[in-house]
PDB file of N, CA and C in Angstrom:
ATOM      1  N   MET A   1       0.899  -0.605  -0.023  1.00  0.00           N
ATOM      2  CA  MET A   1      -0.221   0.004  -0.167  1.00  0.00           C
ATOM      3  C   MET A   1       0.801   1.316   0.233  1.00  0.00           C
ATOM      4  N   GLU A   2       0.557   2.101  -0.829  1.00  0.00           N
ATOM      5  CA  GLU A   2       1.134   3.665  -1.075  1.00  0.00           C
ATOM      6  C   GLU A   2       1.092   4.349   0.390  1.00  0.00           C
ATOM      7  N   THR A   3       2.329   5.074   0.739  1.00  0.00           N
ATOM      8  CA  THR A   3       1.903   5.665   1.850  1.00  0.00           C
ATOM      9  C   THR A   3       1.354   6.743   2.033  1.00  0.00           C
ATOM     10  N   LEU A   4       0.861   7.171   0.802  1.00  0.00           N
ATOM     11  CA  LEU A   4      -0.328   8.479   1.534  1.00  0.00           C
ATOM     12  C   LEU A   4      -1.727   7.963   1.898  1.00  0.00           C
ATOM     13  N   GLN A   5      -1.570   6.620   0.920  1.00  0.00           N
ATOM     14  CA  GLN A   5      -2.915   6.262   0.884  1.00  0.00           C
ATOM     15  C   GLN A   5      -2.984   5.016   2.608  1.00  0.00           C
ATOM     16  N   ALA A   6      -2.124   4.578   2.564  1.00  0.00           N
ATOM     17  CA  ALA A   6      -1.561   4.279   4.540  1.00  0.00           C
ATOM     18  C   ALA A   6      -2.230   5.315   5.297  1.00  0.00           C
ATOM     19  N   ASP A   7      -1.208   6.746   5.316  1.00  0.00           N
ATOM     20  CA  ASP A   7      -1.648   7.620   6.033  1.00  0.00           C
ATOM     21  C   ASP A   7      -2.906   8.110   6.297  1.00  0.00           C
ATOM     22  N   SER A   8      -3.861   8.233   4.964  1.00  0.00           N
ATOM     23  CA  SER A   8      -5.028   8.553   4.565  1.00  0.00           C
ATOM     24  C   SER A   8      -5.741   7.757   5.969  1.00  0.00           C
ATOM     25  N   LEU A   9      -5.524   6.264   5.182  1.00  0.00           N
ATOM     26  CA  LEU A   9      -6.645   5.284   5.429  1.00  0.00           C
ATOM     27  C   LEU A   9      -6.607   5.098   7.372  1.00  0.00           C
ATOM     28  N   LYS A  10      -4.635   5.140   8.028  1.00  0.00           N
ATOM     29  CA  LYS A  10      -4.732   4.924   9.300  1.00  0.00           C
ATOM     30  C   LYS A  10      -5.292   6.760   9.975  1.00  0.00           C
ATOM     31  N   ALA A  11      -5.209   7.933   9.264  1.00  0.00           N
ATOM     32  CA  ALA A  11      -6.029   9.403   9.662  1.00  0.00           C
ATOM     33  C   ALA A  11      -7.498   9.024  10.090  1.00  0.00           C
ATOM     34  N   ARG A  12      -8.299   8.505   8.929  1.00  0.00           N
ATOM     35  CA  ARG A  12      -9.815   8.260   9.302  1.00  0.00           C
ATOM     36  C   ARG A  12      -9.940   6.825  10.062  1.00  0.00           C
ATOM     37  N   VAL A  13      -9.543   5.817  10.158  1.00  0.00           N
ATOM     38  CA  VAL A  13      -9.303   5.207  10.852  1.00  0.00           C
ATOM     39  C   VAL A  13      -9.286   5.363  12.688  1.00  0.00           C
ATOM     40  N   GLU A  14      -7.996   6.662  12.967  1.00  0.00           N
ATOM     41  CA  GLU A  14      -8.106   6.992  13.952  1.00  0.00           C
ATOM     42  C   GLU A  14      -9.235   8.370  14.647  1.00  0.00           C
ATOM     43  N   MET A  15      -9.745   8.401  13.351  1.00  0.00           N
ATOM     44  CA  MET A  15     -10.697   9.863  13.556  1.00  0.00           C
ATOM     45  C   MET A  15     -12.577   9.207  14.164  1.00  0.00           C
ATOM     46  N   ALA A  16     -12.237   7.846  13.533  1.00  0.00           N
ATOM     47  CA  ALA A  16     -13.636   6.900  14.009  1.00  0.00           C
ATOM     48  C   ALA A  16     -13.154   6.341  15.346  1.00  0.00           C
ATOM     49  N   LEU A  17     -12.109   6.100  15.521  1.00  0.00           N
ATOM     50  CA  LEU A  17     -11.909   5.560  17.286  1.00  0.00           C
ATOM     51  C   LEU A  17     -11.520   6.445  17.736  1.00  0.00           C
ATOM     52  N   ASN A  18     -11.552   8.002  18.053  1.00  0.00           N
ATOM     53  CA  ASN A  18     -11.311   9.061  18.603  1.00  0.00           C
ATOM     54  C   ASN A  18     -12.949   9.175  19.183  1.00  0.00           C
ATOM     55  N   SER A  19     -14.220   8.716  18.145  1.00  0.00           N
ATOM     56  CA  SER A  19     -15.538   9.232  19.236  1.00  0.00           C
ATOM     57  C   SER A  19     -16.113   8.314  20.246  1.00  0.00           C
ATOM     58  N   ILE A  20     -15.131   7.127  20.193  1.00  0.00           N
ATOM     59  CA  ILE A  20     -15.266   5.994  21.156  1.00  0.00           C
ATOM     60  C   ILE A  20     -14.140   6.300  22.424  1.00  0.00           C
ATOM     61  N   ARG A  21     -13.059   6.839  21.866  1.00  0.00           N
ATOM     62  CA  ARG A  21     -11.893   7.248  23.098  1.00  0.00           C
ATOM     63  C   ARG A  21     -12.713   7.412  24.022  1.00  0.00           C
ATOM     64  N   PRO A  22     -13.365   8.456  24.638  1.00  0.00           N
ATOM     65  CA  PRO A  22     -13.603   9.404  25.706  1.00  0.00           C
ATOM     66  C   PRO A  22     -14.287   8.402  26.230  1.00  0.00           C
ATOM     67  N   TYR A  23     -14.730   7.155  26.420  1.00  0.00           N
ATOM     68  CA  TYR A  23     -15.155   6.314  26.917  1.00  0.00           C
ATOM     69  C   TYR A  23     -14.366   4.920  27.416  1.00  0.00           C
ATOM     70  N   LEU A  24     -13.972   5.110  26.252  1.00  0.00           N
ATOM     71  CA  LEU A  24     -12.823   3.808  27.245  1.00  0.00           C
ATOM     72  C   LEU A  24     -11.781   4.867  28.387  1.00  0.00           C
ATOM     73  N   GLU A  25     -11.474   5.912  27.891  1.00  0.00           N
ATOM     74  CA  GLU A  25     -10.658   6.883  28.639  1.00  0.00           C
ATOM     75  C   GLU A  25     -10.923   6.753  29.876  1.00  0.00           C
ATOM     76  N   ALA A  26     -12.254   7.178  30.144  1.00  0.00           N
ATOM     77  CA  ALA A  26     -13.364   7.094  30.972  1.00  0.00           C
ATOM     78  C   ALA A  26     -13.022   6.110  32.466  1.00  0.00           C
ATOM     79  N   ASP A  27     -12.498   4.829  31.616  1.00  0.00           N
ATOM     80  CA  ASP A  27     -12.381   3.824  32.563  1.00  0.00           C
ATOM     81  C   ASP A  27     -11.066   3.299  32.436  1.00  0.00           C
ATOM     82  N   GLY A  28     -10.406   3.797  32.084  1.00  0.00           N
ATOM     83  CA  GLY A  28      -8.562   4.071  32.368  1.00  0.00           C
ATOM     84  C   GLY A  28      -8.265   3.025  30.988  1.00  0.00           C
ATOM     85  N   GLY A  29      -8.199   3.136  29.937  1.00  0.00           N
ATOM     86  CA  GLY A  29      -8.387   2.237  28.693  1.00  0.00           C
ATOM     87  C   GLY A  29      -8.119   3.388  27.525  1.00  0.00           C
ATOM     88  N   ASN A  30      -7.687   2.294  26.692  1.00  0.00           N
ATOM     89  CA  ASN A  30      -7.359   3.101  25.365  1.00  0.00           C
ATOM     90  C   ASN A  30      -7.219   1.664  24.126  1.00  0.00           C
ATOM     91  N   VAL A  31      -6.856   2.415  23.272  1.00  0.00           N
ATOM     92  CA  VAL A  31      -6.752   1.505  21.935  1.00  0.00           C
ATOM     93  C   VAL A  31      -5.873   1.956  20.827  1.00  0.00           C
ATOM     94  N   ALA A  32      -4.644   1.034  20.493  1.00  0.00           N
ATOM     95  CA  ALA A  32      -3.998   1.641  19.979  1.00  0.00           C
ATOM     96  C   ALA A  32      -4.001   1.048  18.085  1.00  0.00           C
ATOM     97  N   VAL A  33      -3.496   1.638  16.868  1.00  0.00           N
ATOM     98  CA  VAL A  33      -3.570   1.085  15.484  1.00  0.00           C
ATOM     99  C   VAL A  33      -2.166   0.386  15.362  1.00  0.00           C
ATOM    100  N   LYS A  34      -2.378  -0.854  15.716  1.00  0.00           N
ATOM    101  CA  LYS A  34      -0.838  -1.476  15.649  1.00  0.00           C
ATOM    102  C   LYS A  34      -0.618  -1.885  13.790  1.00  0.00           C
ATOM    103  N   GLU A  35      -1.617  -1.473  13.288  1.00  0.00           N
ATOM    104  CA  GLU A  35      -1.406  -2.402  11.942  1.00  0.00           C
ATOM    105  C   GLU A  35      -2.477  -2.451  10.844  1.00  0.00           C
ATOM    106  N   ILE A  36      -2.321  -1.523   9.559  1.00  0.00           N
ATOM    107  CA  ILE A  36      -3.866  -1.679   8.215  1.00  0.00           C
ATOM    108  C   ILE A  36      -2.630  -2.363   7.283  1.00  0.00           C
ATOM    109  N   THR A  37      -3.138  -3.759   7.207  1.00  0.00           N
ATOM    110  CA  THR A  37      -2.598  -4.952   6.262  1.00  0.00           C
ATOM    111  C   THR A  37      -3.119  -4.508   4.653  1.00  0.00           C
ATOM    112  N   ASP A  38      -2.216  -4.785   3.859  1.00  0.00           N
ATOM    113  CA  ASP A  38      -3.076  -4.709   2.680  1.00  0.00           C
ATOM    114  C   ASP A  38      -4.103  -5.779   1.858  1.00  0.00           C
ATOM    115  N   ASP A  39      -4.539  -6.347   2.110  1.00  0.00           N
ATOM    116  CA  ASP A  39      -5.784  -6.824   2.589  1.00  0.00           C
ATOM    117  C   ASP A  39      -6.769  -6.101   3.334  1.00  0.00           C
ATOM    118  N   MET A  40      -6.938  -4.443   3.737  1.00  0.00           N
ATOM    119  CA  MET A  40      -7.620  -3.846   4.563  1.00  0.00           C
ATOM    120  C   MET A  40      -8.509  -4.204   5.297  1.00  0.00           C
ATOM    121  N   THR A  41      -7.053  -4.961   6.271  1.00  0.00           N
ATOM    122  CA  THR A  41      -7.837  -5.656   8.096  1.00  0.00           C
ATOM    123  C   THR A  41      -6.969  -4.637   8.730  1.00  0.00           C
ATOM    124  N   VAL A  42      -7.654  -4.180   9.342  1.00  0.00           N
ATOM    125  CA  VAL A  42      -7.129  -2.987  10.831  1.00  0.00           C
ATOM    126  C   VAL A  42      -6.873  -4.084  12.072  1.00  0.00           C
ATOM    127  N   ARG A  43      -5.599  -4.009  12.639  1.00  0.00           N
ATOM    128  CA  ARG A  43      -5.519  -4.451  13.953  1.00  0.00           C
ATOM    129  C   ARG A  43      -5.278  -3.597  14.853  1.00  0.00           C
ATOM    130  N   LEU A  44      -5.859  -3.924  16.223  1.00  0.00           N
ATOM    131  CA  LEU A  44      -5.794  -3.064  16.943  1.00  0.00           C
ATOM    132  C   LEU A  44      -4.920  -3.795  18.673  1.00  0.00           C
ATOM    133  N   GLU A  45      -4.636  -2.458  19.412  1.00  0.00           N
ATOM    134  CA  GLU A  45      -4.333  -3.494  20.675  1.00  0.00           C
ATOM    135  C   GLU A  45      -4.952  -2.399  21.703  1.00  0.00           C
ATOM    136  N   LEU A  46      -5.308  -3.205  22.140  1.00  0.00           N
ATOM    137  CA  LEU A  46      -6.122  -2.746  23.419  1.00  0.00           C
ATOM    138  C   LEU A  46      -5.079  -2.073  24.994  1.00  0.00           C
ATOM    139  N   VAL A  47      -5.725  -1.332  25.517  1.00  0.00           N
ATOM    140  CA  VAL A  47      -4.123  -0.858  26.380  1.00  0.00           C
ATOM    141  C   VAL A  47      -5.070  -0.663  27.177  1.00  0.00           C
ATOM    142  N   GLY A  48      -4.150  -0.739  28.662  1.00  0.00           N
ATOM    143  CA  GLY A  48      -4.772   0.058  29.727  1.00  0.00           C
ATOM    144  C   GLY A  48      -5.582  -1.102  30.314  1.00  0.00           C
ATOM    145  N   SER A  49      -6.668  -0.170  30.858  1.00  0.00           N
ATOM    146  CA  SER A  49      -7.845  -1.229  31.625  1.00  0.00           C
ATOM    147  C   SER A  49      -8.280  -2.233  30.442  1.00  0.00           C
ATOM    148  N   CYS A  50      -8.559  -1.576  29.620  1.00  0.00           N
ATOM    149  CA  CYS A  50      -9.261  -3.176  28.369  1.00  0.00           C
ATOM    150  C   CYS A  50      -8.328  -3.924  28.232  1.00  0.00           C
ATOM    151  N   SER A  51      -6.963  -3.516  28.593  1.00  0.00           N
ATOM    152  CA  SER A  51      -6.307  -5.027  27.786  1.00  0.00           C
ATOM    153  C   SER A  51      -6.737  -5.796  28.579  1.00  0.00           C
ATOM    154  N   SER A  52      -7.317  -5.793  30.034  1.00  0.00           N
ATOM    155  CA  SER A  52      -7.281  -7.204  30.769  1.00  0.00           C
ATOM    156  C   SER A  52      -9.216  -7.403  30.751  1.00  0.00           C
ATOM    157  N   CYS A  53      -9.934  -6.398  30.370  1.00  0.00           N
ATOM    158  CA  CYS A  53     -11.237  -6.064  31.409  1.00  0.00           C
ATOM    159  C   CYS A  53     -12.583  -7.160  30.391  1.00  0.00           C
ATOM    160  N   PRO A  54     -12.694  -8.434  30.942  1.00  0.00           N
ATOM    161  CA  PRO A  54     -13.459  -8.893  30.625  1.00  0.00           C
ATOM    162  C   PRO A  54     -14.835  -8.437  29.282  1.00  0.00           C
ATOM    163  N   MET A  55     -15.196  -7.144  29.574  1.00  0.00           N
ATOM    164  CA  MET A  55     -15.837  -6.919  28.774  1.00  0.00           C
ATOM    165  C   MET A  55     -15.300  -6.159  27.280  1.00  0.00           C
ATOM    166  N   SER A  56     -14.093  -6.729  27.239  1.00  0.00           N
ATOM    167  CA  SER A  56     -13.169  -6.082  26.368  1.00  0.00           C
ATOM    168  C   SER A  56     -14.031  -6.794  24.783  1.00  0.00           C
ATOM    169  N   THR A  57     -14.066  -7.558  25.055  1.00  0.00           N
ATOM    170  CA  THR A  57     -14.878  -8.312  23.434  1.00  0.00           C
ATOM    171  C   THR A  57     -16.229  -7.718  23.286  1.00  0.00           C
ATOM    172  N   MET A  58     -17.038  -7.160  24.023  1.00  0.00           N
ATOM    173  CA  MET A  58     -18.021  -6.773  23.505  1.00  0.00           C
ATOM    174  C   MET A  58     -18.008  -5.169  23.412  1.00  0.00           C
ATOM    175  N   THR A  59     -16.776  -4.796  23.956  1.00  0.00           N
ATOM    176  CA  THR A  59     -16.529  -3.115  23.042  1.00  0.00           C
ATOM    177  C   THR A  59     -15.831  -3.382  22.493  1.00  0.00           C
ATOM    178  N   PHE A  60     -15.361  -4.117  22.034  1.00  0.00           N
ATOM    179  CA  PHE A  60     -14.663  -3.998  20.659  1.00  0.00           C
ATOM    180  C   PHE A  60     -15.533  -4.357  19.381  1.00  0.00           C
ATOM    181  N   LYS A  61     -16.239  -4.920  19.632  1.00  0.00           N
ATOM    182  CA  LYS A  61     -17.709  -5.457  18.424  1.00  0.00           C
ATOM    183  C   LYS A  61     -18.520  -4.205  18.549  1.00  0.00           C
ATOM    184  N   ALA A  62     -18.996  -4.145  19.684  1.00  0.00           N
ATOM    185  CA  ALA A  62     -20.082  -3.020  19.755  1.00  0.00           C
ATOM    186  C   ALA A  62     -19.030  -1.950  19.614  1.00  0.00           C
ATOM    187  N   GLY A  63     -18.517  -1.406  19.770  1.00  0.00           N
ATOM    188  CA  GLY A  63     -17.803   0.319  19.465  1.00  0.00           C
ATOM    189  C   GLY A  63     -16.514   0.479  18.474  1.00  0.00           C
ATOM    190  N   LEU A  64     -15.458  -0.273  18.730  1.00  0.00           N
ATOM    191  CA  LEU A  64     -14.466  -0.209  17.800  1.00  0.00           C
ATOM    192  C   LEU A  64     -14.704  -0.691  16.801  1.00  0.00           C
ATOM    193  N   GLU A  65     -14.591  -2.267  16.626  1.00  0.00           N
ATOM    194  CA  GLU A  65     -15.383  -2.871  14.780  1.00  0.00           C
ATOM    195  C   GLU A  65     -16.244  -1.610  15.059  1.00  0.00           C
ATOM    196  N   GLU A  66     -17.771  -1.642  14.692  1.00  0.00           N
ATOM    197  CA  GLU A  66     -18.477  -0.927  14.075  1.00  0.00           C
ATOM    198  C   GLU A  66     -18.486   0.103  13.885  1.00  0.00           C
ATOM    199  N   ALA A  67     -17.386   1.529  14.782  1.00  0.00           N
ATOM    200  CA  ALA A  67     -16.971   2.681  14.046  1.00  0.00           C
ATOM    201  C   ALA A  67     -16.245   2.848  13.403  1.00  0.00           C
ATOM    202  N   ILE A  68     -15.283   1.641  12.819  1.00  0.00           N
ATOM    203  CA  ILE A  68     -14.392   1.410  12.056  1.00  0.00           C
ATOM    204  C   ILE A  68     -14.815   1.096  10.725  1.00  0.00           C
ATOM    205  N   LEU A  69     -15.492  -0.261  10.721  1.00  0.00           N
ATOM    206  CA  LEU A  69     -16.634  -0.011   9.082  1.00  0.00           C
ATOM    207  C   LEU A  69     -16.528   0.494   9.004  1.00  0.00           C
ATOM    208  N   LYS A  70     -18.294   1.195   9.744  1.00  0.00           N
ATOM    209  CA  LYS A  70     -19.299   2.815   9.335  1.00  0.00           C
ATOM    210  C   LYS A  70     -18.418   3.576   8.604  1.00  0.00           C
ATOM    211  N   SER A  71     -17.296   3.941   9.195  1.00  0.00           N
ATOM    212  CA  SER A  71     -16.722   5.536   9.104  1.00  0.00           C
ATOM    213  C   SER A  71     -15.618   5.676   7.900  1.00  0.00           C
ATOM    214  N   VAL A  72     -15.005   4.134   7.570  1.00  0.00           N
ATOM    215  CA  VAL A  72     -14.174   3.594   6.650  1.00  0.00           C
ATOM    216  C   VAL A  72     -14.790   2.369   5.867  1.00  0.00           C
ATOM    217  N   PRO A  73     -15.336   2.519   4.846  1.00  0.00           N
ATOM    218  CA  PRO A  73     -15.564   1.846   4.077  1.00  0.00           C
ATOM    219  C   PRO A  73     -14.653   0.638   3.258  1.00  0.00           C
ATOM    220  N   GLU A  74     -13.662   1.124   3.758  1.00  0.00           N
ATOM    221  CA  GLU A  74     -12.525   0.349   2.280  1.00  0.00           C
ATOM    222  C   GLU A  74     -12.173  -0.654   3.247  1.00  0.00           C
ATOM    223  N   ILE A  75     -12.317  -0.832   5.183  1.00  0.00           N
ATOM    224  CA  ILE A  75     -11.359  -1.691   5.679  1.00  0.00           C
ATOM    225  C   ILE A  75     -13.212  -2.900   5.583  1.00  0.00           C
ATOM    226  N   LYS A  76     -11.730  -4.109   5.731  1.00  0.00           N
ATOM    227  CA  LYS A  76     -12.437  -4.948   5.131  1.00  0.00           C
ATOM    228  C   LYS A  76     -12.825  -5.594   6.883  1.00  0.00           C
ATOM    229  N   LYS A  77     -11.878  -5.545   7.351  1.00  0.00           N
ATOM    230  CA  LYS A  77     -12.072  -6.513   8.573  1.00  0.00           C
ATOM    231  C   LYS A  77     -11.496  -5.904   9.838  1.00  0.00           C
ATOM    232  N   VAL A  78     -11.868  -6.075  10.974  1.00  0.00           N
ATOM    233  CA  VAL A  78     -11.036  -5.266  12.359  1.00  0.00           C
ATOM    234  C   VAL A  78     -10.463  -6.465  13.159  1.00  0.00           C
ATOM    235  N   GLU A  79      -9.291  -6.588  13.556  1.00  0.00           N
ATOM    236  CA  GLU A  79      -9.091  -7.311  14.694  1.00  0.00           C
ATOM    237  C   GLU A  79      -8.230  -6.977  15.659  1.00  0.00           C
ATOM    238  N   ALA A  80      -8.388  -7.841  17.074  1.00  0.00           N
ATOM    239  CA  ALA A  80      -8.042  -7.229  18.507  1.00  0.00           C
ATOM    240  C   ALA A  80      -6.705  -8.469  18.821  1.00  0.00           C
ATOM    241  N   ILE A  81      -5.760  -7.450  18.591  1.00  0.00           N
ATOM    242  CA  ILE A  81      -3.703  -8.580  18.507  1.00  0.00           C
ATOM    243  C   ILE A  81      -4.118  -9.268  20.186  1.00  0.00           C
ATOM    244  N   ASN A  82      -4.821  -8.609  20.901  1.00  0.00           N
ATOM    245  CA  ASN A  82      -5.234  -9.174  22.390  1.00  0.00           C
ATOM    246  C   ASN A  82      -6.656  -8.839  23.471  1.00  0.00           C
ATOM    247  N   LEU A  83      -7.202  -9.681  22.680  1.00  0.00           N
ATOM    248  CA  LEU A  83      -9.165  -9.712  23.617  1.00  0.00           C
ATOM    249  C   LEU A  83      -8.855 -10.256  24.594  1.00  0.00           C
ATOM    250  N   THR A  84      -9.792  -9.977  25.613  1.00  0.00           N
ATOM    251  CA  THR A  84     -10.312 -10.881  26.943  1.00  0.00           C
ATOM    252  C   THR A  84     -10.559 -12.074  26.641  1.00  0.00           C
ATOM    253  N   PRO A  85     -10.691 -13.161  26.821  1.00  0.00           N
ATOM    254  CA  PRO A  85     -11.969 -13.044  26.532  1.00  0.00           C
ATOM    255  C   PRO A  85     -13.292 -13.285  27.249  1.00  0.00           C
ATOM    256  N   ALA A  86     -14.281 -13.762  27.303  1.00  0.00           N
ATOM    257  CA  ALA A  86     -15.482 -13.426  27.767  1.00  0.00           C
ATOM    258  C   ALA A  86     -15.902 -14.436  29.115  1.00  0.00           C
ATOM    259  N   TYR A  87     -15.758 -14.633  30.234  1.00  0.00           N
ATOM    260  CA  TYR A  87     -16.174 -16.157  30.719  1.00  0.00           C
ATOM    261  C   TYR A  87     -17.811 -16.019  31.330  1.00  0.00           C
TER     262      TYR A  87
END
């Protein structure tokens, strides 16, 4: 992927995540974009409290993934590299 295109995609993904960040930060967590692959997969890392929260799967699916896919239609898939399994 060309650098300019990758930078534009990452900026748009970050803007989508910024709509969710205040809620994550209120609970001591956050999210970091680790990679956008050539096949248009975004890989996220949940950090702070989010990295060990049992609700992280729901936060990921209903918040982060939905925000990115809605705001950046070129993205085909969103993955979290460190989701905590729900019990």
